[in-house]
Amino acid sequence: MIRALLAALFLTSPAFAADMSVFVRNQRSDGVAVELFSRDSQKVWPGDDKVFLIRPKARKSVPISCEPGERICWGAWVVGNDQVSAGVGPDNDQPCDTCCFICTEHSTETVDLAE
């Protein structure tokens, strides 16, 4: 009986979220906006119609909470001109083979935005 209860509890426990960081290096002479998009759900970071803003030639570390194993892609664009974009772009609709990473607990992923 106890085994059955423990098994039921284990199977109904929610998955834990992983805390990781994304380190963005903006090497451009323009400020950029960055969003992170889950490929496994509808989650967007930072969410709520907000973006991470990174000043020209600045670096910024942003913490996120994600599901372990979740595939996350980044999109970046010049502030005020989303036609100049990188990664999956501002609408998460551009193809990109090198702008995604896997959510891993206590890890850091680096995004380099070149001129």
PDB file of N, CA and C in Angstrom:
ATOM      1  N   MET A   1       0.824  -1.192   0.000  1.00  0.00           N
ATOM      2  CA  MET A   1       0.000   0.000   0.000  1.00  0.00           C
ATOM      3  C   MET A   1       0.875   1.265   0.000  1.00  0.00           C
ATOM      4  N   ILE A   2       1.883   1.284   0.845  1.00  0.00           N
ATOM      5  CA  ILE A   2       2.767   2.451   0.899  1.00  0.00           C
ATOM      6  C   ILE A   2       3.513   2.605  -0.420  1.00  0.00           C
ATOM      7  N   ARG A   3       3.947   1.486  -0.982  1.00  0.00           N
ATOM      8  CA  ARG A   3       4.635   1.551  -2.282  1.00  0.00           C
ATOM      9  C   ARG A   3       3.733   2.153  -3.350  1.00  0.00           C
ATOM     10  N   ALA A   4       2.466   1.765  -3.346  1.00  0.00           N
ATOM     11  CA  ALA A   4       1.526   2.295  -4.326  1.00  0.00           C
ATOM     12  C   ALA A   4       1.343   3.800  -4.134  1.00  0.00           C
ATOM     13  N   LEU A   5       1.263   4.253  -2.895  1.00  0.00           N
ATOM     14  CA  LEU A   5       1.125   5.682  -2.624  1.00  0.00           C
ATOM     15  C   LEU A   5       2.377   6.447  -3.054  1.00  0.00           C
ATOM     16  N   LEU A   6       3.546   5.894  -2.746  1.00  0.00           N
ATOM     17  CA  LEU A   6       4.786   6.543  -3.150  1.00  0.00           C
ATOM     18  C   LEU A   6       4.914   6.594  -4.665  1.00  0.00           C
ATOM     19  N   ALA A   7       4.547   5.530  -5.338  1.00  0.00           N
ATOM     20  CA  ALA A   7       4.599   5.501  -6.795  1.00  0.00           C
ATOM     21  C   ALA A   7       3.641   6.534  -7.382  1.00  0.00           C
ATOM     22  N   ALA A   8       2.440   6.627  -6.832  1.00  0.00           N
ATOM     23  CA  ALA A   8       1.471   7.605  -7.309  1.00  0.00           C
ATOM     24  C   ALA A   8       1.972   9.028  -7.078  1.00  0.00           C
ATOM     25  N   LEU A   9       2.569   9.275  -5.915  1.00  0.00           N
ATOM     26  CA  LEU A   9       3.118  10.586  -5.612  1.00  0.00           C
ATOM     27  C   LEU A   9       4.247  10.929  -6.572  1.00  0.00           C
ATOM     28  N   PHE A  10       5.129  10.001  -6.846  1.00  0.00           N
ATOM     29  CA  PHE A  10       6.247  10.218  -7.749  1.00  0.00           C
ATOM     30  C   PHE A  10       5.771  10.518  -9.165  1.00  0.00           C
ATOM     31  N   LEU A  11       4.775   9.787  -9.620  1.00  0.00           N
ATOM     32  CA  LEU A  11       4.281   9.964 -10.987  1.00  0.00           C
ATOM     33  C   LEU A  11       3.500  11.252 -11.169  1.00  0.00           C
ATOM     34  N   THR A  12       2.934  11.814 -10.099  1.00  0.00           N
ATOM     35  CA  THR A  12       2.154  13.034 -10.215  1.00  0.00           C
ATOM     36  C   THR A  12       2.941  14.270  -9.807  1.00  0.00           C
ATOM     37  N   SER A  13       4.185  14.123  -9.392  1.00  0.00           N
ATOM     38  CA  SER A  13       4.997  15.281  -9.025  1.00  0.00           C
ATOM     39  C   SER A  13       5.338  16.078 -10.280  1.00  0.00           C
ATOM     40  N   PRO A  14       5.208  17.403 -10.196  1.00  0.00           N
ATOM     41  CA  PRO A  14       5.541  18.211 -11.367  1.00  0.00           C
ATOM     42  C   PRO A  14       7.043  18.210 -11.628  1.00  0.00           C
ATOM     43  N   ALA A  15       7.404  18.393 -12.880  1.00  0.00           N
ATOM     44  CA  ALA A  15       8.825  18.473 -13.231  1.00  0.00           C
ATOM     45  C   ALA A  15       9.398  19.754 -12.639  1.00  0.00           C
ATOM     46  N   PHE A  16      10.639  19.701 -12.221  1.00  0.00           N
ATOM     47  CA  PHE A  16      11.251  20.892 -11.651  1.00  0.00           C
ATOM     48  C   PHE A  16      11.812  21.764 -12.762  1.00  0.00           C
ATOM     49  N   ALA A  17      11.859  23.045 -12.497  1.00  0.00           N
ATOM     50  CA  ALA A  17      12.431  23.976 -13.462  1.00  0.00           C
ATOM     51  C   ALA A  17      13.920  24.098 -13.215  1.00  0.00           C
ATOM     52  N   ALA A  18      14.656  24.283 -14.275  1.00  0.00           N
ATOM     53  CA  ALA A  18      16.100  24.484 -14.179  1.00  0.00           C
ATOM     54  C   ALA A  18      16.385  25.979 -14.244  1.00  0.00           C
ATOM     55  N   ASP A  19      17.303  26.423 -13.432  1.00  0.00           N
ATOM     56  CA  ASP A  19      17.738  27.807 -13.467  1.00  0.00           C
ATOM     57  C   ASP A  19      19.056  27.867 -14.217  1.00  0.00           C
ATOM     58  N   MET A  20      19.102  28.692 -15.238  1.00  0.00           N
ATOM     59  CA  MET A  20      20.329  28.859 -16.008  1.00  0.00           C
ATOM     60  C   MET A  20      20.465  30.326 -16.396  1.00  0.00           C
ATOM     61  N   SER A  21      21.585  30.670 -17.004  1.00  0.00           N
ATOM     62  CA  SER A  21      21.825  32.041 -17.431  1.00  0.00           C
ATOM     63  C   SER A  21      22.144  32.078 -18.921  1.00  0.00           C
ATOM     64  N   VAL A  22      21.784  33.185 -19.524  1.00  0.00           N
ATOM     65  CA  VAL A  22      22.159  33.450 -20.906  1.00  0.00           C
ATOM     66  C   VAL A  22      22.997  34.726 -20.874  1.00  0.00           C
ATOM     67  N   PHE A  23      24.231  34.620 -21.342  1.00  0.00           N
ATOM     68  CA  PHE A  23      25.172  35.733 -21.334  1.00  0.00           C
ATOM     69  C   PHE A  23      25.240  36.301 -22.744  1.00  0.00           C
ATOM     70  N   VAL A  24      24.773  37.548 -22.906  1.00  0.00           N
ATOM     71  CA  VAL A  24      24.714  38.173 -24.231  1.00  0.00           C
ATOM     72  C   VAL A  24      25.840  39.197 -24.337  1.00  0.00           C
ATOM     73  N   ARG A  25      26.637  39.049 -25.391  1.00  0.00           N
ATOM     74  CA  ARG A  25      27.700  40.019 -25.685  1.00  0.00           C
ATOM     75  C   ARG A  25      27.308  40.764 -26.947  1.00  0.00           C
ATOM     76  N   ASN A  26      26.929  42.022 -26.785  1.00  0.00           N
ATOM     77  CA  ASN A  26      26.550  42.852 -27.922  1.00  0.00           C
ATOM     78  C   ASN A  26      27.798  43.567 -28.436  1.00  0.00           C
ATOM     79  N   GLN A  27      28.362  43.079 -29.510  1.00  0.00           N
ATOM     80  CA  GLN A  27      29.555  43.674 -30.093  1.00  0.00           C
ATOM     81  C   GLN A  27      29.209  44.720 -31.146  1.00  0.00           C
ATOM     82  N   ARG A  28      27.931  44.996 -31.305  1.00  0.00           N
ATOM     83  CA  ARG A  28      27.461  45.959 -32.305  1.00  0.00           C
ATOM     84  C   ARG A  28      27.564  47.385 -31.770  1.00  0.00           C
ATOM     85  N   SER A  29      27.527  48.342 -32.686  1.00  0.00           N
ATOM     86  CA  SER A  29      27.526  49.754 -32.299  1.00  0.00           C
ATOM     87  C   SER A  29      26.097  50.253 -32.069  1.00  0.00           C
ATOM     88  N   ASP A  30      25.121  49.366 -32.229  1.00  0.00           N
ATOM     89  CA  ASP A  30      23.709  49.677 -31.974  1.00  0.00           C
ATOM     90  C   ASP A  30      23.236  48.906 -30.749  1.00  0.00           C
ATOM     91  N   GLY A  31      22.262  49.466 -30.036  1.00  0.00           N
ATOM     92  CA  GLY A  31      21.601  48.712 -28.984  1.00  0.00           C
ATOM     93  C   GLY A  31      20.741  47.632 -29.611  1.00  0.00           C
ATOM     94  N   VAL A  32      20.591  46.517 -28.918  1.00  0.00           N
ATOM     95  CA  VAL A  32      19.790  45.421 -29.441  1.00  0.00           C
ATOM     96  C   VAL A  32      18.743  44.978 -28.422  1.00  0.00           C
ATOM     97  N   ALA A  33      17.688  44.401 -28.951  1.00  0.00           N
ATOM     98  CA  ALA A  33      16.657  43.757 -28.145  1.00  0.00           C
ATOM     99  C   ALA A  33      16.798  42.258 -28.369  1.00  0.00           C
ATOM    100  N   VAL A  34      16.624  41.490 -27.303  1.00  0.00           N
ATOM    101  CA  VAL A  34      16.759  40.032 -27.380  1.00  0.00           C
ATOM    102  C   VAL A  34      15.560  39.382 -26.706  1.00  0.00           C
ATOM    103  N   GLU A  35      15.054  38.338 -27.341  1.00  0.00           N
ATOM    104  CA  GLU A  35      14.036  37.481 -26.726  1.00  0.00           C
ATOM    105  C   GLU A  35      14.483  36.038 -26.884  1.00  0.00           C
ATOM    106  N   LEU A  36      14.054  35.210 -25.960  1.00  0.00           N
ATOM    107  CA  LEU A  36      14.325  33.774 -26.005  1.00  0.00           C
ATOM    108  C   LEU A  36      13.003  33.055 -26.202  1.00  0.00           C
ATOM    109  N   PHE A  37      13.005  32.061 -27.085  1.00  0.00           N
ATOM    110  CA  PHE A  37      11.782  31.350 -27.453  1.00  0.00           C
ATOM    111  C   PHE A  37      11.956  29.854 -27.229  1.00  0.00           C
ATOM    112  N   SER A  38      11.012  29.225 -26.538  1.00  0.00           N
ATOM    113  CA  SER A  38      11.033  27.777 -26.380  1.00  0.00           C
ATOM    114  C   SER A  38      10.558  27.130 -27.673  1.00  0.00           C
ATOM    115  N   ARG A  39      11.235  26.072 -28.102  1.00  0.00           N
ATOM    116  CA  ARG A  39      10.797  25.295 -29.264  1.00  0.00           C
ATOM    117  C   ARG A  39       9.855  24.176 -28.825  1.00  0.00           C
ATOM    118  N   ASP A  40       9.731  23.989 -27.502  1.00  0.00           N
ATOM    119  CA  ASP A  40       8.914  22.895 -26.975  1.00  0.00           C
ATOM    120  C   ASP A  40       7.595  23.358 -26.367  1.00  0.00           C
ATOM    121  N   SER A  41       7.429  24.662 -26.201  1.00  0.00           N
ATOM    122  CA  SER A  41       6.196  25.199 -25.631  1.00  0.00           C
ATOM    123  C   SER A  41       6.012  26.613 -26.169  1.00  0.00           C
ATOM    124  N   GLN A  42       5.059  27.314 -25.658  1.00  0.00           N
ATOM    125  CA  GLN A  42       4.805  28.694 -26.078  1.00  0.00           C
ATOM    126  C   GLN A  42       5.544  29.716 -25.208  1.00  0.00           C
ATOM    127  N   LYS A  43       6.449  29.260 -24.372  1.00  0.00           N
ATOM    128  CA  LYS A  43       7.134  30.146 -23.435  1.00  0.00           C
ATOM    129  C   LYS A  43       8.121  31.071 -24.152  1.00  0.00           C
ATOM    130  N   VAL A  44       8.135  32.328 -23.696  1.00  0.00           N
ATOM    131  CA  VAL A  44       9.046  33.343 -24.211  1.00  0.00           C
ATOM    132  C   VAL A  44       9.665  34.053 -23.001  1.00  0.00           C
ATOM    133  N   TRP A  45      10.951  34.338 -23.110  1.00  0.00           N
ATOM    134  CA  TRP A  45      11.636  35.071 -22.040  1.00  0.00           C
ATOM    135  C   TRP A  45      12.083  36.414 -22.573  1.00  0.00           C
ATOM    136  N   PRO A  46      11.896  37.529 -21.939  1.00  0.00           N
ATOM    137  CA  PRO A  46      11.391  37.653 -20.589  1.00  0.00           C
ATOM    138  C   PRO A  46       9.874  37.538 -20.489  1.00  0.00           C
ATOM    139  N   GLY A  47       9.157  37.586 -21.600  1.00  0.00           N
ATOM    140  CA  GLY A  47       7.702  37.409 -21.585  1.00  0.00           C
ATOM    141  C   GLY A  47       6.964  38.717 -21.349  1.00  0.00           C
ATOM    142  N   ASP A  48       5.655  38.640 -21.336  1.00  0.00           N
ATOM    143  CA  ASP A  48       4.779  39.794 -21.095  1.00  0.00           C
ATOM    144  C   ASP A  48       5.093  40.968 -22.023  1.00  0.00           C
ATOM    145  N   ASP A  49       5.373  40.693 -23.292  1.00  0.00           N
ATOM    146  CA  ASP A  49       5.675  41.726 -24.289  1.00  0.00           C
ATOM    147  C   ASP A  49       6.870  42.598 -23.914  1.00  0.00           C
ATOM    148  N   LYS A  50       7.806  42.019 -23.177  1.00  0.00           N
ATOM    149  CA  LYS A  50       9.046  42.718 -22.813  1.00  0.00           C
ATOM    150  C   LYS A  50      10.206  42.074 -23.560  1.00  0.00           C
ATOM    151  N   VAL A  51      11.337  42.771 -23.590  1.00  0.00           N
ATOM    152  CA  VAL A  51      12.551  42.252 -24.222  1.00  0.00           C
ATOM    153  C   VAL A  51      13.733  42.555 -23.300  1.00  0.00           C
ATOM    154  N   PHE A  52      14.825  41.840 -23.518  1.00  0.00           N
ATOM    155  CA  PHE A  52      16.072  42.169 -22.854  1.00  0.00           C
ATOM    156  C   PHE A  52      16.760  43.220 -23.729  1.00  0.00           C
ATOM    157  N   LEU A  53      17.074  44.376 -23.172  1.00  0.00           N
ATOM    158  CA  LEU A  53      17.759  45.428 -23.918  1.00  0.00           C
ATOM    159  C   LEU A  53      19.239  45.413 -23.546  1.00  0.00           C
ATOM    160  N   ILE A  54      20.093  45.414 -24.578  1.00  0.00           N
ATOM    161  CA  ILE A  54      21.535  45.405 -24.350  1.00  0.00           C
ATOM    162  C   ILE A  54      22.124  46.600 -25.100  1.00  0.00           C
ATOM    163  N   ARG A  55      22.771  47.472 -24.362  1.00  0.00           N
ATOM    164  CA  ARG A  55      23.370  48.678 -24.938  1.00  0.00           C
ATOM    165  C   ARG A  55      24.487  48.315 -25.922  1.00  0.00           C
ATOM    166  N   PRO A  56      24.874  49.262 -26.781  1.00  0.00           N
ATOM    167  CA  PRO A  56      25.990  49.017 -27.709  1.00  0.00           C
ATOM    168  C   PRO A  56      27.264  48.647 -26.952  1.00  0.00           C
ATOM    169  N   LYS A  57      27.954  47.641 -27.457  1.00  0.00           N
ATOM    170  CA  LYS A  57      29.234  47.167 -26.903  1.00  0.00           C
ATOM    171  C   LYS A  57      29.124  46.691 -25.453  1.00  0.00           C
ATOM    172  N   ALA A  58      27.918  46.378 -25.002  1.00  0.00           N
ATOM    173  CA  ALA A  58      27.700  45.956 -23.613  1.00  0.00           C
ATOM    174  C   ALA A  58      27.537  44.441 -23.523  1.00  0.00           C
ATOM    175  N   ARG A  59      27.636  43.966 -22.305  1.00  0.00           N
ATOM    176  CA  ARG A  59      27.416  42.547 -21.994  1.00  0.00           C
ATOM    177  C   ARG A  59      26.379  42.466 -20.893  1.00  0.00           C
ATOM    178  N   LYS A  60      25.559  41.435 -20.970  1.00  0.00           N
ATOM    179  CA  LYS A  60      24.490  41.298 -19.969  1.00  0.00           C
ATOM    180  C   LYS A  60      24.203  39.823 -19.743  1.00  0.00           C
ATOM    181  N   SER A  61      24.085  39.449 -18.485  1.00  0.00           N
ATOM    182  CA  SER A  61      23.699  38.090 -18.125  1.00  0.00           C
ATOM    183  C   SER A  61      22.246  38.112 -17.676  1.00  0.00           C
ATOM    184  N   VAL A  62      21.425  37.261 -18.282  1.00  0.00           N
ATOM    185  CA  VAL A  62      20.013  37.211 -17.916  1.00  0.00           C
ATOM    186  C   VAL A  62      19.672  35.815 -17.400  1.00  0.00           C
ATOM    187  N   PRO A  63      19.095  35.745 -16.207  1.00  0.00           N
ATOM    188  CA  PRO A  63      18.699  34.446 -15.672  1.00  0.00           C
ATOM    189  C   PRO A  63      17.357  34.017 -16.253  1.00  0.00           C
ATOM    190  N   ILE A  64      17.222  32.725 -16.515  1.00  0.00           N
ATOM    191  CA  ILE A  64      15.933  32.188 -16.946  1.00  0.00           C
ATOM    192  C   ILE A  64      15.655  30.905 -16.170  1.00  0.00           C
ATOM    193  N   SER A  65      14.395  30.571 -16.102  1.00  0.00           N
ATOM    194  CA  SER A  65      13.958  29.316 -15.514  1.00  0.00           C
ATOM    195  C   SER A  65      13.262  28.540 -16.630  1.00  0.00           C
ATOM    196  N   CYS A  66      13.754  27.340 -16.901  1.00  0.00           N
ATOM    197  CA  CYS A  66      13.247  26.551 -18.028  1.00  0.00           C
ATOM    198  C   CYS A  66      13.162  25.081 -17.619  1.00  0.00           C
ATOM    199  N   GLU A  67      12.552  24.296 -18.474  1.00  0.00           N
ATOM    200  CA  GLU A  67      12.435  22.865 -18.216  1.00  0.00           C
ATOM    201  C   GLU A  67      13.700  22.155 -18.684  1.00  0.00           C
ATOM    202  N   PRO A  68      14.304  21.308 -17.868  1.00  0.00           N
ATOM    203  CA  PRO A  68      15.511  20.599 -18.297  1.00  0.00           C
ATOM    204  C   PRO A  68      15.264  19.856 -19.614  1.00  0.00           C
ATOM    205  N   GLY A  69      16.163  20.039 -20.565  1.00  0.00           N
ATOM    206  CA  GLY A  69      16.024  19.415 -21.868  1.00  0.00           C
ATOM    207  C   GLY A  69      15.257  20.245 -22.873  1.00  0.00           C
ATOM    208  N   GLU A  70      14.640  21.323 -22.430  1.00  0.00           N
ATOM    209  CA  GLU A  70      13.871  22.189 -23.318  1.00  0.00           C
ATOM    210  C   GLU A  70      14.813  22.863 -24.324  1.00  0.00           C
ATOM    211  N   ARG A  71      14.383  22.949 -25.565  1.00  0.00           N
ATOM    212  CA  ARG A  71      15.187  23.600 -26.603  1.00  0.00           C
ATOM    213  C   ARG A  71      14.770  25.063 -26.677  1.00  0.00           C
ATOM    214  N   ILE A  72      15.750  25.961 -26.551  1.00  0.00           N
ATOM    215  CA  ILE A  72      15.502  27.395 -26.516  1.00  0.00           C
ATOM    216  C   ILE A  72      16.313  28.064 -27.628  1.00  0.00           C
ATOM    217  N   CYS A  73      15.677  28.972 -28.366  1.00  0.00           N
ATOM    218  CA  CYS A  73      16.347  29.712 -29.427  1.00  0.00           C
ATOM    219  C   CYS A  73      16.274  31.200 -29.117  1.00  0.00           C
ATOM    220  N   TRP A  74      17.273  31.935 -29.559  1.00  0.00           N
ATOM    221  CA  TRP A  74      17.287  33.369 -29.327  1.00  0.00           C
ATOM    222  C   TRP A  74      17.039  34.134 -30.617  1.00  0.00           C
ATOM    223  N   GLY A  75      16.404  35.281 -30.446  1.00  0.00           N
ATOM    224  CA  GLY A  75      16.198  36.213 -31.542  1.00  0.00           C
ATOM    225  C   GLY A  75      16.655  37.583 -31.077  1.00  0.00           C
ATOM    226  N   ALA A  76      17.343  38.315 -31.938  1.00  0.00           N
ATOM    227  CA  ALA A  76      17.837  39.645 -31.596  1.00  0.00           C
ATOM    228  C   ALA A  76      17.618  40.583 -32.765  1.00  0.00           C
ATOM    229  N   TRP A  77      17.466  41.862 -32.466  1.00  0.00           N
ATOM    230  CA  TRP A  77      17.303  42.856 -33.515  1.00  0.00           C
ATOM    231  C   TRP A  77      17.739  44.215 -32.981  1.00  0.00           C
ATOM    232  N   VAL A  78      18.072  45.089 -33.931  1.00  0.00           N
ATOM    233  CA  VAL A  78      18.486  46.441 -33.575  1.00  0.00           C
ATOM    234  C   VAL A  78      17.275  47.174 -33.002  1.00  0.00           C
ATOM    235  N   VAL A  79      17.480  47.837 -31.872  1.00  0.00           N
ATOM    236  CA  VAL A  79      16.390  48.587 -31.252  1.00  0.00           C
ATOM    237  C   VAL A  79      15.906  49.655 -32.231  1.00  0.00           C
ATOM    238  N   GLY A  80      14.618  49.645 -32.511  1.00  0.00           N
ATOM    239  CA  GLY A  80      14.028  50.611 -33.427  1.00  0.00           C
ATOM    240  C   GLY A  80      14.022  50.171 -34.885  1.00  0.00           C
ATOM    241  N   ASN A  81      14.639  49.026 -35.192  1.00  0.00           N
ATOM    242  CA  ASN A  81      14.664  48.545 -36.571  1.00  0.00           C
ATOM    243  C   ASN A  81      14.710  47.023 -36.573  1.00  0.00           C
ATOM    244  N   ASP A  82      13.557  46.396 -36.481  1.00  0.00           N
ATOM    245  CA  ASP A  82      13.534  44.927 -36.407  1.00  0.00           C
ATOM    246  C   ASP A  82      13.821  44.268 -37.757  1.00  0.00           C
ATOM    247  N   GLN A  83      14.071  45.067 -38.804  1.00  0.00           N
ATOM    248  CA  GLN A  83      14.493  44.494 -40.075  1.00  0.00           C
ATOM    249  C   GLN A  83      15.957  44.056 -40.020  1.00  0.00           C
ATOM    250  N   VAL A  84      16.717  44.609 -39.075  1.00  0.00           N
ATOM    251  CA  VAL A  84      18.109  44.207 -38.869  1.00  0.00           C
ATOM    252  C   VAL A  84      18.099  43.240 -37.700  1.00  0.00           C
ATOM    253  N   SER A  85      18.077  41.946 -38.017  1.00  0.00           N
ATOM    254  CA  SER A  85      17.899  40.953 -36.956  1.00  0.00           C
ATOM    255  C   SER A  85      18.899  39.812 -37.088  1.00  0.00           C
ATOM    256  N   ALA A  86      18.963  39.018 -36.037  1.00  0.00           N
ATOM    257  CA  ALA A  86      19.836  37.842 -35.992  1.00  0.00           C
ATOM    258  C   ALA A  86      19.089  36.720 -35.277  1.00  0.00           C
ATOM    259  N   GLY A  87      19.645  35.528 -35.350  1.00  0.00           N
ATOM    260  CA  GLY A  87      18.991  34.385 -34.715  1.00  0.00           C
ATOM    261  C   GLY A  87      17.671  34.085 -35.400  1.00  0.00           C
ATOM    262  N   VAL A  88      16.659  33.800 -34.605  1.00  0.00           N
ATOM    263  CA  VAL A  88      15.341  33.495 -35.168  1.00  0.00           C
ATOM    264  C   VAL A  88      14.508  34.750 -35.392  1.00  0.00           C
ATOM    265  N   GLY A  89      15.107  35.927 -35.140  1.00  0.00           N
ATOM    266  CA  GLY A  89      14.432  37.197 -35.376  1.00  0.00           C
ATOM    267  C   GLY A  89      13.413  37.547 -34.314  1.00  0.00           C
ATOM    268  N   PRO A  90      12.790  38.716 -34.450  1.00  0.00           N
ATOM    269  CA  PRO A  90      11.846  39.185 -33.425  1.00  0.00           C
ATOM    270  C   PRO A  90      10.541  38.404 -33.377  1.00  0.00           C
ATOM    271  N   ASP A  91      10.229  37.704 -34.455  1.00  0.00           N
ATOM    272  CA  ASP A  91       8.967  36.957 -34.501  1.00  0.00           C
ATOM    273  C   ASP A  91       9.169  35.451 -34.411  1.00  0.00           C
ATOM    274  N   ASN A  92      10.400  35.029 -34.119  1.00  0.00           N
ATOM    275  CA  ASN A  92      10.704  33.595 -33.992  1.00  0.00           C
ATOM    276  C   ASN A  92      10.343  32.841 -35.274  1.00  0.00           C
ATOM    277  N   ASP A  93      10.604  33.474 -36.419  1.00  0.00           N
ATOM    278  CA  ASP A  93      10.205  32.851 -37.680  1.00  0.00           C
ATOM    279  C   ASP A  93      11.336  32.732 -38.703  1.00  0.00           C
ATOM    280  N   GLN A  94      12.573  32.971 -38.282  1.00  0.00           N
ATOM    281  CA  GLN A  94      13.711  32.858 -39.185  1.00  0.00           C
ATOM    282  C   GLN A  94      14.438  31.534 -38.947  1.00  0.00           C
ATOM    283  N   PRO A  95      14.903  30.895 -40.009  1.00  0.00           N
ATOM    284  CA  PRO A  95      15.665  29.654 -39.815  1.00  0.00           C
ATOM    285  C   PRO A  95      17.027  29.966 -39.199  1.00  0.00           C
ATOM    286  N   CYS A  96      17.477  29.105 -38.325  1.00  0.00           N
ATOM    287  CA  CYS A  96      18.768  29.319 -37.680  1.00  0.00           C
ATOM    288  C   CYS A  96      19.255  27.996 -37.094  1.00  0.00           C
ATOM    289  N   ASP A  97      20.429  27.565 -37.526  1.00  0.00           N
ATOM    290  CA  ASP A  97      20.994  26.309 -37.024  1.00  0.00           C
ATOM    291  C   ASP A  97      21.880  26.504 -35.800  1.00  0.00           C
ATOM    292  N   THR A  98      22.347  27.724 -35.577  1.00  0.00           N
ATOM    293  CA  THR A  98      23.336  27.958 -34.517  1.00  0.00           C
ATOM    294  C   THR A  98      22.835  28.869 -33.404  1.00  0.00           C
ATOM    295  N   CYS A  99      21.534  29.097 -33.330  1.00  0.00           N
ATOM    296  CA  CYS A  99      21.032  30.035 -32.317  1.00  0.00           C
ATOM    297  C   CYS A  99      20.124  29.360 -31.288  1.00  0.00           C
ATOM    298  N   CYS A 100      20.270  28.071 -31.127  1.00  0.00           N
ATOM    299  CA  CYS A 100      19.459  27.344 -30.147  1.00  0.00           C
ATOM    300  C   CYS A 100      20.364  26.589 -29.190  1.00  0.00           C
ATOM    301  N   PHE A 101      19.843  26.331 -28.000  1.00  0.00           N
ATOM    302  CA  PHE A 101      20.575  25.582 -26.989  1.00  0.00           C
ATOM    303  C   PHE A 101      19.579  24.792 -26.152  1.00  0.00           C
ATOM    304  N   ILE A 102      20.099  23.889 -25.366  1.00  0.00           N
ATOM    305  CA  ILE A 102      19.272  23.034 -24.508  1.00  0.00           C
ATOM    306  C   ILE A 102      19.329  23.542 -23.077  1.00  0.00           C
ATOM    307  N   CYS A 103      18.181  23.632 -22.443  1.00  0.00           N
ATOM    308  CA  CYS A 103      18.105  24.053 -21.040  1.00  0.00           C
ATOM    309  C   CYS A 103      18.793  23.013 -20.163  1.00  0.00           C
ATOM    310  N   THR A 104      19.760  23.481 -19.392  1.00  0.00           N
ATOM    311  CA  THR A 104      20.510  22.624 -18.478  1.00  0.00           C
ATOM    312  C   THR A 104      20.689  23.347 -17.158  1.00  0.00           C
ATOM    313  N   GLU A 105      20.339  22.708 -16.070  1.00  0.00           N
ATOM    314  CA  GLU A 105      20.435  23.290 -14.733  1.00  0.00           C
ATOM    315  C   GLU A 105      21.840  23.814 -14.454  1.00  0.00           C
ATOM    316  N   HIS A 106      21.914  24.997 -13.865  1.00  0.00           N
ATOM    317  CA  HIS A 106      23.169  25.622 -13.435  1.00  0.00           C
ATOM    318  C   HIS A 106      24.178  25.771 -14.558  1.00  0.00           C
ATOM    319  N   SER A 107      23.714  26.137 -15.747  1.00  0.00           N
ATOM    320  CA  SER A 107      24.630  26.328 -16.869  1.00  0.00           C
ATOM    321  C   SER A 107      24.484  27.753 -17.403  1.00  0.00           C
ATOM    322  N   THR A 108      25.421  28.116 -18.261  1.00  0.00           N
ATOM    323  CA  THR A 108      25.388  29.419 -18.922  1.00  0.00           C
ATOM    324  C   THR A 108      25.570  29.215 -20.415  1.00  0.00           C
ATOM    325  N   GLU A 109      24.718  29.838 -21.177  1.00  0.00           N
ATOM    326  CA  GLU A 109      24.828  29.816 -22.632  1.00  0.00           C
ATOM    327  C   GLU A 109      25.242  31.223 -23.070  1.00  0.00           C
ATOM    328  N   THR A 110      26.173  31.319 -24.006  1.00  0.00           N
ATOM    329  CA  THR A 110      26.662  32.612 -24.474  1.00  0.00           C
ATOM    330  C   THR A 110      26.122  32.907 -25.869  1.00  0.00           C
ATOM    331  N   VAL A 111      25.637  34.140 -26.045  1.00  0.00           N
ATOM    332  CA  VAL A 111      25.159  34.619 -27.330  1.00  0.00           C
ATOM    333  C   VAL A 111      26.051  35.788 -27.733  1.00  0.00           C
ATOM    334  N   ASP A 112      26.723  35.684 -28.871  1.00  0.00           N
ATOM    335  CA  ASP A 112      27.576  36.746 -29.390  1.00  0.00           C
ATOM    336  C   ASP A 112      26.855  37.420 -30.555  1.00  0.00           C
ATOM    337  N   LEU A 113      26.653  38.723 -30.435  1.00  0.00           N
ATOM    338  CA  LEU A 113      26.009  39.495 -31.500  1.00  0.00           C
ATOM    339  C   LEU A 113      27.074  40.368 -32.152  1.00  0.00           C
ATOM    340  N   ALA A 114      27.553  39.941 -33.317  1.00  0.00           N
ATOM    341  CA  ALA A 114      28.624  40.641 -34.019  1.00  0.00           C
ATOM    342  C   ALA A 114      28.068  41.771 -34.880  1.00  0.00           C
ATOM    343  N   GLU A 115      28.957  42.692 -35.239  1.00  0.00           N
ATOM    344  CA  GLU A 115      28.615  43.830 -36.089  1.00  0.00           C
ATOM    345  C   GLU A 115      28.156  43.340 -37.444  1.00  0.00           C
TER     346      GLU A 115
END
